[in-house]
Amino acid sequence: MLTKKQLLLKVHLADGFGPISELRLAAWLVTSHNWALSALEIAQIACLPERYWLTFQTSFDSLALQQKCATHERYVQYLTILEADYPQRLLETHCPPTVLFYRGDLSVLKQPCVAVVGARQATEYTKQALRHLLGLPQTTTIISGLAQGADAMAHEVALQKGLRPIGVIGTGLNCYYPPQNEHLQQAVAEKGLLISEYGLDVTAKKHHFPARNRIIAGLCHSLVVTEARQKSGSLITANLALQANRNVYALPGQVNHSLSAGCNQLILAGATPLLNQQLLLDELHYFD
């Protein structure tokens, strides 16, 4: 019989099941002593909409899914929401993932964590600011999404300064997006921690990245926005961090620069202008 952990993995990798339904199943499993369930019973427990039942049952009972689960059990470490090591900060957020796949050292999640987000077209201003601002104690971790631009710059600077990186990606752990970040992604896994809620070989899809951002916002103690346009994914991540009661900092920029418009807007709305390194140091002191 499958363990609870293996059952959550199987459901997570099956077709037709969404994150809210997974959370309902996980909540049921907390107190259940019998989880030898059929696909139909799982669908009913999780209140899966009936229009998805056939898709889920076909996938859940398939040999292909059985083989996929065996591959994940063999080649990747994973953590479920039912385990003691699951990050407490993530539990406090809206719709935490029921399964997290990872490579690297889980213990870095227990260190003070600063998330850095910003534009994919980030300029040299972001890199210079990060070099100045991330002279933090080496017990600090830097989390970002390993995207092009500000994300990659944050991880590169973190590695240069001896800080532990955490990368949250919108693909499976066997994939690299963008492809030019392959070596950086491998370095993050080796020196810190690489996390994804997607199965090993899942490629990038547009909707993966807003979903990834909720994990970044949930895991951090503080979030820094470097450069961002007025309507951007970075501002969505900042709002998610605010909803999770995280401190949000924004790097002030030139009023006539489009990549500074989002940060200046955040400051106007109440985010803390990140004027110096000491602002981060003063706050992170509380999480040591």
C-alpha atoms as a PDB file:
ATOM      1  CA  MET A   1       0.000   0.000   0.000  1.00  0.00           C
ATOM      2  CA  LEU A   2       1.169   3.526  -0.725  1.00  0.00           C
ATOM      3  CA  THR A   3       2.222   5.742   2.151  1.00  0.00           C
ATOM      4  CA  LYS A   4       0.444   9.077   2.594  1.00  0.00           C
ATOM      5  CA  LYS A   5       3.485  10.778   1.092  1.00  0.00           C
ATOM      6  CA  GLN A   6       3.440   8.503  -1.958  1.00  0.00           C
ATOM      7  CA  LEU A   7      -0.312   8.985  -2.393  1.00  0.00           C
ATOM      8  CA  LEU A   8       0.085  12.772  -2.440  1.00  0.00           C
ATOM      9  CA  LEU A   9       2.892  12.419  -4.985  1.00  0.00           C
ATOM     10  CA  LYS A  10       0.737  10.213  -7.224  1.00  0.00           C
ATOM     11  CA  VAL A  11      -2.220  12.584  -7.065  1.00  0.00           C
ATOM     12  CA  HIS A  12       0.065  15.566  -7.673  1.00  0.00           C
ATOM     13  CA  LEU A  13       1.492  13.995 -10.824  1.00  0.00           C
ATOM     14  CA  ALA A  14      -1.878  12.798 -12.129  1.00  0.00           C
ATOM     15  CA  ASP A  15      -3.922  14.701 -14.693  1.00  0.00           C
ATOM     16  CA  GLY A  16      -7.138  16.474 -13.744  1.00  0.00           C
ATOM     17  CA  PHE A  17      -6.311  17.430 -10.155  1.00  0.00           C
ATOM     18  CA  GLY A  18      -5.800  21.050  -9.099  1.00  0.00           C
ATOM     19  CA  PRO A  19      -4.004  22.605  -6.106  1.00  0.00           C
ATOM     20  CA  ILE A  20      -7.165  23.353  -4.104  1.00  0.00           C
ATOM     21  CA  SER A  21      -8.368  19.770  -4.463  1.00  0.00           C
ATOM     22  CA  GLU A  22      -4.914  18.540  -3.428  1.00  0.00           C
ATOM     23  CA  LEU A  23      -5.073  20.648  -0.274  1.00  0.00           C
ATOM     24  CA  ARG A  24      -8.497  19.175   0.594  1.00  0.00           C
ATOM     25  CA  LEU A  25      -7.093  15.672   0.199  1.00  0.00           C
ATOM     26  CA  ALA A  26      -4.031  16.541   2.307  1.00  0.00           C
ATOM     27  CA  ALA A  27      -6.272  17.932   5.081  1.00  0.00           C
ATOM     28  CA  TRP A  28      -8.275  14.693   5.067  1.00  0.00           C
ATOM     29  CA  LEU A  29      -5.118  12.580   5.217  1.00  0.00           C
ATOM     30  CA  VAL A  30      -3.933  14.348   8.393  1.00  0.00           C
ATOM     31  CA  THR A  31      -6.473  12.434  10.506  1.00  0.00           C
ATOM     32  CA  SER A  32      -7.162   9.413   8.285  1.00  0.00           C
ATOM     33  CA  HIS A  33      -6.010   5.920   9.195  1.00  0.00           C
ATOM     34  CA  ASN A  34      -7.109   4.316   5.929  1.00  0.00           C
ATOM     35  CA  TRP A  35      -5.889   5.829   2.692  1.00  0.00           C
ATOM     36  CA  ALA A  36      -6.134   2.785   0.411  1.00  0.00           C
ATOM     37  CA  LEU A  37      -8.479   4.713  -1.825  1.00  0.00           C
ATOM     38  CA  SER A  38      -9.805   4.339  -5.338  1.00  0.00           C
ATOM     39  CA  ALA A  39      -9.547   7.223  -7.778  1.00  0.00           C
ATOM     40  CA  LEU A  40     -13.269   7.887  -7.372  1.00  0.00           C
ATOM     41  CA  GLU A  41     -13.000   7.984  -3.570  1.00  0.00           C
ATOM     42  CA  ILE A  42     -10.068  10.421  -3.804  1.00  0.00           C
ATOM     43  CA  ALA A  43     -12.036  12.643  -6.174  1.00  0.00           C
ATOM     44  CA  GLN A  44     -15.010  12.690  -3.795  1.00  0.00           C
ATOM     45  CA  ILE A  45     -12.891  13.396  -0.687  1.00  0.00           C
ATOM     46  CA  ALA A  46     -11.141  16.258  -2.474  1.00  0.00           C
ATOM     47  CA  CYS A  47     -14.422  17.656  -3.890  1.00  0.00           C
ATOM     48  CA  LEU A  48     -12.969  17.427  -7.380  1.00  0.00           C
ATOM     49  CA  PRO A  49     -15.502  18.812  -9.879  1.00  0.00           C
ATOM     50  CA  GLU A  50     -17.264  15.924 -11.617  1.00  0.00           C
ATOM     51  CA  ARG A  51     -16.193  17.101 -15.072  1.00  0.00           C
ATOM     52  CA  TYR A  52     -12.610  16.127 -14.129  1.00  0.00           C
ATOM     53  CA  TRP A  53     -13.376  12.717 -12.636  1.00  0.00           C
ATOM     54  CA  LEU A  54     -12.855  10.685 -15.820  1.00  0.00           C
ATOM     55  CA  THR A  55      -9.594  12.485 -16.669  1.00  0.00           C
ATOM     56  CA  PHE A  56      -8.267  11.919 -13.166  1.00  0.00           C
ATOM     57  CA  GLN A  57      -9.401   8.281 -12.905  1.00  0.00           C
ATOM     58  CA  THR A  58      -7.896   7.384 -16.284  1.00  0.00           C
ATOM     59  CA  SER A  59      -4.591   9.009 -15.322  1.00  0.00           C
ATOM     60  CA  PHE A  60      -4.528   7.708 -11.737  1.00  0.00           C
ATOM     61  CA  ASP A  61      -5.031   4.089 -12.790  1.00  0.00           C
ATOM     62  CA  SER A  62      -2.579   4.189 -15.704  1.00  0.00           C
ATOM     63  CA  LEU A  63       0.713   2.332 -15.989  1.00  0.00           C
ATOM     64  CA  ALA A  64       2.292   5.562 -17.267  1.00  0.00           C
ATOM     65  CA  LEU A  65       1.584   7.326 -13.958  1.00  0.00           C
ATOM     66  CA  GLN A  66       2.896   4.366 -11.995  1.00  0.00           C
ATOM     67  CA  GLN A  67       6.158   4.579 -13.950  1.00  0.00           C
ATOM     68  CA  LYS A  68       6.330   8.366 -13.538  1.00  0.00           C
ATOM     69  CA  CYS A  69       5.968   8.024  -9.768  1.00  0.00           C
ATOM     70  CA  ALA A  70       8.690   5.365  -9.681  1.00  0.00           C
ATOM     71  CA  THR A  71      11.013   7.700 -11.606  1.00  0.00           C
ATOM     72  CA  HIS A  72      10.403  10.559  -9.164  1.00  0.00           C
ATOM     73  CA  GLU A  73      10.897   8.305  -6.147  1.00  0.00           C
ATOM     74  CA  ARG A  74      14.219   7.181  -7.585  1.00  0.00           C
ATOM     75  CA  TYR A  75      15.694  10.359  -9.028  1.00  0.00           C
ATOM     76  CA  VAL A  76      14.485  13.320  -6.985  1.00  0.00           C
ATOM     77  CA  GLN A  77      13.858  14.251  -3.380  1.00  0.00           C
ATOM     78  CA  TYR A  78      10.465  15.606  -2.498  1.00  0.00           C
ATOM     79  CA  LEU A  79       8.644  16.980   0.480  1.00  0.00           C
ATOM     80  CA  THR A  80       4.902  16.980   1.155  1.00  0.00           C
ATOM     81  CA  ILE A  81       2.778  19.350   3.159  1.00  0.00           C
ATOM     82  CA  LEU A  82       2.200  16.593   5.744  1.00  0.00           C
ATOM     83  CA  GLU A  83       5.850  16.461   6.842  1.00  0.00           C
ATOM     84  CA  ALA A  84       7.551  18.244   9.716  1.00  0.00           C
ATOM     85  CA  ASP A  85      10.268  19.639   7.421  1.00  0.00           C
ATOM     86  CA  TYR A  86       7.746  21.459   5.226  1.00  0.00           C
ATOM     87  CA  PRO A  87       8.508  25.213   5.518  1.00  0.00           C
ATOM     88  CA  GLN A  88       6.319  26.812   8.182  1.00  0.00           C
ATOM     89  CA  ARG A  89       6.364  30.164   6.385  1.00  0.00           C
ATOM     90  CA  LEU A  90       4.860  28.559   3.297  1.00  0.00           C
ATOM     91  CA  LEU A  91       2.110  26.922   5.356  1.00  0.00           C
ATOM     92  CA  GLU A  92       0.976  30.390   6.399  1.00  0.00           C
ATOM     93  CA  THR A  93       0.311  31.497   2.807  1.00  0.00           C
ATOM     94  CA  HIS A  94      -2.629  31.094   0.443  1.00  0.00           C
ATOM     95  CA  CYS A  95      -2.685  27.787  -1.443  1.00  0.00           C
ATOM     96  CA  PRO A  96       0.707  26.321  -0.475  1.00  0.00           C
ATOM     97  CA  PRO A  97       1.869  23.515  -2.782  1.00  0.00           C
ATOM     98  CA  THR A  98       1.194  20.040  -1.423  1.00  0.00           C
ATOM     99  CA  VAL A  99       4.399  18.658  -2.970  1.00  0.00           C
ATOM    100  CA  LEU A 100       7.789  20.333  -3.374  1.00  0.00           C
ATOM    101  CA  PHE A 101      10.548  18.695  -5.398  1.00  0.00           C
ATOM    102  CA  TYR A 102      14.043  19.791  -4.485  1.00  0.00           C
ATOM    103  CA  ARG A 103      17.773  19.394  -4.937  1.00  0.00           C
ATOM    104  CA  GLY A 104      20.222  20.719  -2.395  1.00  0.00           C
ATOM    105  CA  ASP A 105      20.157  21.497   1.296  1.00  0.00           C
ATOM    106  CA  LEU A 106      16.736  21.950   2.926  1.00  0.00           C
ATOM    107  CA  SER A 107      18.318  23.444   6.051  1.00  0.00           C
ATOM    108  CA  VAL A 108      18.862  26.774   4.254  1.00  0.00           C
ATOM    109  CA  LEU A 109      15.119  27.368   4.593  1.00  0.00           C
ATOM    110  CA  LYS A 110      15.708  27.862   8.323  1.00  0.00           C
ATOM    111  CA  GLN A 111      18.017  30.830   7.732  1.00  0.00           C
ATOM    112  CA  PRO A 112      16.902  34.472   7.332  1.00  0.00           C
ATOM    113  CA  CYS A 113      15.762  34.819   3.746  1.00  0.00           C
ATOM    114  CA  VAL A 114      15.641  37.822   1.407  1.00  0.00           C
ATOM    115  CA  ALA A 115      13.794  37.423  -1.892  1.00  0.00           C
ATOM    116  CA  VAL A 116      14.857  39.496  -4.884  1.00  0.00           C
ATOM    117  CA  VAL A 117      12.574  40.050  -7.864  1.00  0.00           C
ATOM    118  CA  GLY A 118      12.723  42.453 -10.775  1.00  0.00           C
ATOM    119  CA  ALA A 119      12.570  42.911 -14.504  1.00  0.00           C
ATOM    120  CA  ARG A 120      13.884  40.388 -17.005  1.00  0.00           C
ATOM    121  CA  GLN A 121      15.345  43.422 -18.800  1.00  0.00           C
ATOM    122  CA  ALA A 122      17.047  44.646 -15.621  1.00  0.00           C
ATOM    123  CA  THR A 123      19.897  47.078 -16.203  1.00  0.00           C
ATOM    124  CA  GLU A 124      23.331  47.481 -14.696  1.00  0.00           C
ATOM    125  CA  TYR A 125      21.621  49.558 -11.984  1.00  0.00           C
ATOM    126  CA  THR A 126      20.131  46.370 -10.521  1.00  0.00           C
ATOM    127  CA  LYS A 127      23.475  44.563 -10.512  1.00  0.00           C
ATOM    128  CA  GLN A 128      25.306  47.493  -8.917  1.00  0.00           C
ATOM    129  CA  ALA A 129      22.607  47.930  -6.286  1.00  0.00           C
ATOM    130  CA  LEU A 130      22.658  44.221  -5.405  1.00  0.00           C
ATOM    131  CA  ARG A 131      26.426  44.219  -5.042  1.00  0.00           C
ATOM    132  CA  HIS A 132      26.079  47.109  -2.612  1.00  0.00           C
ATOM    133  CA  LEU A 133      23.017  45.879  -0.716  1.00  0.00           C
ATOM    134  CA  LEU A 134      23.701  42.140  -0.403  1.00  0.00           C
ATOM    135  CA  GLY A 135      26.782  42.452   1.781  1.00  0.00           C
ATOM    136  CA  LEU A 136      24.801  40.521   4.387  1.00  0.00           C
ATOM    137  CA  PRO A 137      25.838  37.957   7.015  1.00  0.00           C
ATOM    138  CA  GLN A 138      26.626  34.581   5.455  1.00  0.00           C
ATOM    139  CA  THR A 139      23.776  33.066   7.441  1.00  0.00           C
ATOM    140  CA  THR A 140      21.433  34.885   5.033  1.00  0.00           C
ATOM    141  CA  THR A 141      19.847  33.167   2.043  1.00  0.00           C
ATOM    142  CA  ILE A 142      18.863  34.885  -1.196  1.00  0.00           C
ATOM    143  CA  ILE A 143      15.797  33.562  -2.969  1.00  0.00           C
ATOM    144  CA  SER A 144      14.732  34.288  -6.505  1.00  0.00           C
ATOM    145  CA  GLY A 145      13.112  32.670  -9.513  1.00  0.00           C
ATOM    146  CA  LEU A 146      16.164  31.971 -11.697  1.00  0.00           C
ATOM    147  CA  ALA A 147      14.646  33.921 -14.575  1.00  0.00           C
ATOM    148  CA  GLN A 148      16.608  36.165 -16.881  1.00  0.00           C
ATOM    149  CA  GLY A 149      17.610  39.610 -15.590  1.00  0.00           C
ATOM    150  CA  ALA A 150      17.187  40.555 -11.928  1.00  0.00           C
ATOM    151  CA  ASP A 151      16.666  36.952 -10.766  1.00  0.00           C
ATOM    152  CA  ALA A 152      19.901  35.711 -12.324  1.00  0.00           C
ATOM    153  CA  MET A 153      21.782  38.786 -11.086  1.00  0.00           C
ATOM    154  CA  ALA A 154      20.572  38.147  -7.522  1.00  0.00           C
ATOM    155  CA  HIS A 155      21.828  34.570  -7.555  1.00  0.00           C
ATOM    156  CA  GLU A 156      25.129  35.502  -9.178  1.00  0.00           C
ATOM    157  CA  VAL A 157      25.790  38.194  -6.567  1.00  0.00           C
ATOM    158  CA  ALA A 158      24.715  35.855  -3.748  1.00  0.00           C
ATOM    159  CA  LEU A 159      27.174  33.192  -4.917  1.00  0.00           C
ATOM    160  CA  GLN A 160      29.960  35.756  -5.270  1.00  0.00           C
ATOM    161  CA  LYS A 161      29.369  36.958  -1.696  1.00  0.00           C
ATOM    162  CA  GLY A 162      29.145  33.487  -0.186  1.00  0.00           C
ATOM    163  CA  LEU A 163      25.414  33.685   0.573  1.00  0.00           C
ATOM    164  CA  ARG A 164      23.299  30.553   0.185  1.00  0.00           C
ATOM    165  CA  PRO A 165      20.949  30.771  -2.821  1.00  0.00           C
ATOM    166  CA  ILE A 166      17.426  29.369  -3.083  1.00  0.00           C
ATOM    167  CA  GLY A 167      16.015  29.075  -6.589  1.00  0.00           C
ATOM    168  CA  VAL A 168      12.279  28.539  -7.129  1.00  0.00           C
ATOM    169  CA  ILE A 169      11.687  27.574 -10.732  1.00  0.00           C
ATOM    170  CA  GLY A 170       8.635  27.349 -12.970  1.00  0.00           C
ATOM    171  CA  THR A 171       9.722  24.116 -14.667  1.00  0.00           C
ATOM    172  CA  GLY A 172      10.693  20.644 -13.540  1.00  0.00           C
ATOM    173  CA  LEU A 173      14.114  20.217 -11.979  1.00  0.00           C
ATOM    174  CA  ASN A 174      15.460  18.565 -15.141  1.00  0.00           C
ATOM    175  CA  CYS A 175      14.631  21.622 -17.271  1.00  0.00           C
ATOM    176  CA  TYR A 176      16.318  25.005 -17.631  1.00  0.00           C
ATOM    177  CA  TYR A 177      14.466  28.220 -18.383  1.00  0.00           C
ATOM    178  CA  PRO A 178      15.908  30.286 -19.846  1.00  0.00           C
ATOM    179  CA  PRO A 179      18.410  27.748 -21.274  1.00  0.00           C
ATOM    180  CA  GLN A 180      21.375  30.077 -20.707  1.00  0.00           C
ATOM    181  CA  ASN A 181      20.834  29.767 -16.936  1.00  0.00           C
ATOM    182  CA  GLU A 182      21.671  26.035 -16.911  1.00  0.00           C
ATOM    183  CA  HIS A 183      25.047  26.444 -15.187  1.00  0.00           C
ATOM    184  CA  LEU A 184      23.636  28.974 -12.721  1.00  0.00           C
ATOM    185  CA  GLN A 185      20.757  26.642 -11.847  1.00  0.00           C
ATOM    186  CA  GLN A 186      23.200  23.811 -11.226  1.00  0.00           C
ATOM    187  CA  ALA A 187      25.312  26.082  -8.993  1.00  0.00           C
ATOM    188  CA  VAL A 188      22.231  27.071  -6.985  1.00  0.00           C
ATOM    189  CA  ALA A 189      21.365  23.397  -6.405  1.00  0.00           C
ATOM    190  CA  GLU A 190      24.962  22.646  -5.405  1.00  0.00           C
ATOM    191  CA  LYS A 191      25.519  25.635  -3.110  1.00  0.00           C
ATOM    192  CA  GLY A 192      22.010  26.107  -1.763  1.00  0.00           C
ATOM    193  CA  LEU A 193      18.584  24.785  -2.695  1.00  0.00           C
ATOM    194  CA  LEU A 194      16.561  24.374  -5.896  1.00  0.00           C
ATOM    195  CA  ILE A 195      12.778  23.998  -5.553  1.00  0.00           C
ATOM    196  CA  SER A 196       9.885  23.284  -7.903  1.00  0.00           C
ATOM    197  CA  GLU A 197       6.298  22.138  -7.530  1.00  0.00           C
ATOM    198  CA  TYR A 198       6.412  20.631 -11.038  1.00  0.00           C
ATOM    199  CA  GLY A 199       7.364  17.104 -12.049  1.00  0.00           C
ATOM    200  CA  LEU A 200      10.904  16.470 -13.245  1.00  0.00           C
ATOM    201  CA  ASP A 201      10.495  17.002 -16.987  1.00  0.00           C
ATOM    202  CA  VAL A 202       7.722  19.608 -17.030  1.00  0.00           C
ATOM    203  CA  THR A 203       8.668  22.421 -19.406  1.00  0.00           C
ATOM    204  CA  ALA A 204       7.936  26.127 -18.951  1.00  0.00           C
ATOM    205  CA  LYS A 205       4.369  27.336 -19.394  1.00  0.00           C
ATOM    206  CA  LYS A 206       3.156  30.890 -18.996  1.00  0.00           C
ATOM    207  CA  HIS A 207       0.899  30.190 -15.994  1.00  0.00           C
ATOM    208  CA  HIS A 208       3.718  28.473 -14.075  1.00  0.00           C
ATOM    209  CA  PHE A 209       5.460  31.728 -13.283  1.00  0.00           C
ATOM    210  CA  PRO A 210       2.708  33.526 -11.320  1.00  0.00           C
ATOM    211  CA  ALA A 211       2.260  30.246  -9.414  1.00  0.00           C
ATOM    212  CA  ARG A 212       6.007  30.113  -8.710  1.00  0.00           C
ATOM    213  CA  ASN A 213       5.879  33.708  -7.426  1.00  0.00           C
ATOM    214  CA  ARG A 214       3.543  32.768  -4.565  1.00  0.00           C
ATOM    215  CA  ILE A 215       6.205  30.331  -3.312  1.00  0.00           C
ATOM    216  CA  ILE A 216       8.910  33.002  -3.477  1.00  0.00           C
ATOM    217  CA  ALA A 217       6.693  35.438  -1.561  1.00  0.00           C
ATOM    218  CA  GLY A 218       5.799  32.793   1.005  1.00  0.00           C
ATOM    219  CA  LEU A 219       9.307  31.545   1.729  1.00  0.00           C
ATOM    220  CA  CYS A 220      10.989  34.906   2.291  1.00  0.00           C
ATOM    221  CA  HIS A 221      11.172  37.097   5.384  1.00  0.00           C
ATOM    222  CA  SER A 222      11.691  40.220   3.262  1.00  0.00           C
ATOM    223  CA  LEU A 223      11.210  40.915  -0.423  1.00  0.00           C
ATOM    224  CA  VAL A 224      13.199  43.376  -2.530  1.00  0.00           C
ATOM    225  CA  VAL A 225      11.991  44.699  -5.892  1.00  0.00           C
ATOM    226  CA  THR A 226      14.876  46.152  -7.897  1.00  0.00           C
ATOM    227  CA  GLU A 227      13.544  47.354 -11.243  1.00  0.00           C
ATOM    228  CA  ALA A 228       9.997  46.763 -12.485  1.00  0.00           C
ATOM    229  CA  ARG A 229       7.564  48.173 -14.980  1.00  0.00           C
ATOM    230  CA  GLN A 230       4.265  49.606 -13.810  1.00  0.00           C
ATOM    231  CA  LYS A 231       2.433  46.372 -14.667  1.00  0.00           C
ATOM    232  CA  SER A 232       4.692  43.413 -14.077  1.00  0.00           C
ATOM    233  CA  GLY A 233       5.026  40.036 -12.408  1.00  0.00           C
ATOM    234  CA  SER A 234       7.362  41.597  -9.847  1.00  0.00           C
ATOM    235  CA  LEU A 235       4.538  43.782  -8.546  1.00  0.00           C
ATOM    236  CA  ILE A 236       2.271  40.740  -8.316  1.00  0.00           C
ATOM    237  CA  THR A 237       4.935  39.005  -6.228  1.00  0.00           C
ATOM    238  CA  ALA A 238       5.243  42.100  -4.036  1.00  0.00           C
ATOM    239  CA  ASN A 239       1.489  42.097  -3.435  1.00  0.00           C
ATOM    240  CA  LEU A 240       1.589  38.404  -2.549  1.00  0.00           C
ATOM    241  CA  ALA A 241       4.376  39.135  -0.063  1.00  0.00           C
ATOM    242  CA  LEU A 242       2.335  41.935   1.502  1.00  0.00           C
ATOM    243  CA  GLN A 243      -0.653  39.584   1.834  1.00  0.00           C
ATOM    244  CA  ALA A 244       1.654  37.152   3.649  1.00  0.00           C
ATOM    245  CA  ASN A 245       2.778  39.945   6.021  1.00  0.00           C
ATOM    246  CA  ARG A 246       6.297  40.120   4.628  1.00  0.00           C
ATOM    247  CA  ASN A 247       8.228  43.392   4.537  1.00  0.00           C
ATOM    248  CA  VAL A 248       8.529  44.725   1.007  1.00  0.00           C
ATOM    249  CA  TYR A 249      11.363  46.993  -0.106  1.00  0.00           C
ATOM    250  CA  ALA A 250      11.642  48.785  -3.422  1.00  0.00           C
ATOM    251  CA  LEU A 251      14.729  50.273  -5.021  1.00  0.00           C
ATOM    252  CA  PRO A 252      14.001  53.914  -5.906  1.00  0.00           C
ATOM    253  CA  GLY A 253      14.737  54.849  -9.489  1.00  0.00           C
ATOM    254  CA  GLN A 254      14.681  57.669 -11.987  1.00  0.00           C
ATOM    255  CA  VAL A 255      11.215  59.119 -12.507  1.00  0.00           C
ATOM    256  CA  ASN A 256      11.641  59.079 -16.286  1.00  0.00           C
ATOM    257  CA  HIS A 257      12.743  55.426 -16.534  1.00  0.00           C
ATOM    258  CA  SER A 258      10.075  52.824 -17.335  1.00  0.00           C
ATOM    259  CA  LEU A 259      11.858  50.125 -15.309  1.00  0.00           C
ATOM    260  CA  SER A 260      11.670  52.321 -12.210  1.00  0.00           C
ATOM    261  CA  ALA A 261       7.956  53.072 -12.529  1.00  0.00           C
ATOM    262  CA  GLY A 262       6.876  49.916 -10.699  1.00  0.00           C
ATOM    263  CA  CYS A 263       9.271  50.444  -7.791  1.00  0.00           C
ATOM    264  CA  ASN A 264       8.368  54.104  -7.398  1.00  0.00           C
ATOM    265  CA  GLN A 265       4.708  53.116  -7.467  1.00  0.00           C
ATOM    266  CA  LEU A 266       5.310  50.539  -4.714  1.00  0.00           C
ATOM    267  CA  ILE A 267       7.012  53.182  -2.570  1.00  0.00           C
ATOM    268  CA  LEU A 268       4.059  55.527  -3.099  1.00  0.00           C
ATOM    269  CA  ALA A 269       1.764  52.706  -1.964  1.00  0.00           C
ATOM    270  CA  GLY A 270       3.737  52.169   1.259  1.00  0.00           C
ATOM    271  CA  ALA A 271       6.694  49.896   0.457  1.00  0.00           C
ATOM    272  CA  THR A 272       9.947  50.823   2.188  1.00  0.00           C
ATOM    273  CA  PRO A 273      12.449  52.580  -0.115  1.00  0.00           C
ATOM    274  CA  LEU A 274      15.635  50.517   0.022  1.00  0.00           C
ATOM    275  CA  LEU A 275      18.168  53.272   0.572  1.00  0.00           C
ATOM    276  CA  ASN A 276      20.927  51.289   2.249  1.00  0.00           C
ATOM    277  CA  GLN A 277      22.043  47.877   3.427  1.00  0.00           C
ATOM    278  CA  GLN A 278      21.348  48.693   7.066  1.00  0.00           C
ATOM    279  CA  LEU A 279      17.588  48.566   6.496  1.00  0.00           C
ATOM    280  CA  LEU A 280      17.869  44.886   5.591  1.00  0.00           C
ATOM    281  CA  LEU A 281      20.332  44.139   8.374  1.00  0.00           C
ATOM    282  CA  ASP A 282      18.096  45.700  11.013  1.00  0.00           C
ATOM    283  CA  GLU A 283      15.151  43.564  10.004  1.00  0.00           C
ATOM    284  CA  LEU A 284      16.962  40.279   9.425  1.00  0.00           C
ATOM    285  CA  HIS A 285      18.379  40.519  12.938  1.00  0.00           C
ATOM    286  CA  TYR A 286      14.954  39.434  14.221  1.00  0.00           C
ATOM    287  CA  PHE A 287      15.066  36.156  12.304  1.00  0.00           C
ATOM    288  CA  ASP A 288      18.522  34.899  13.348  1.00  0.00           C
END
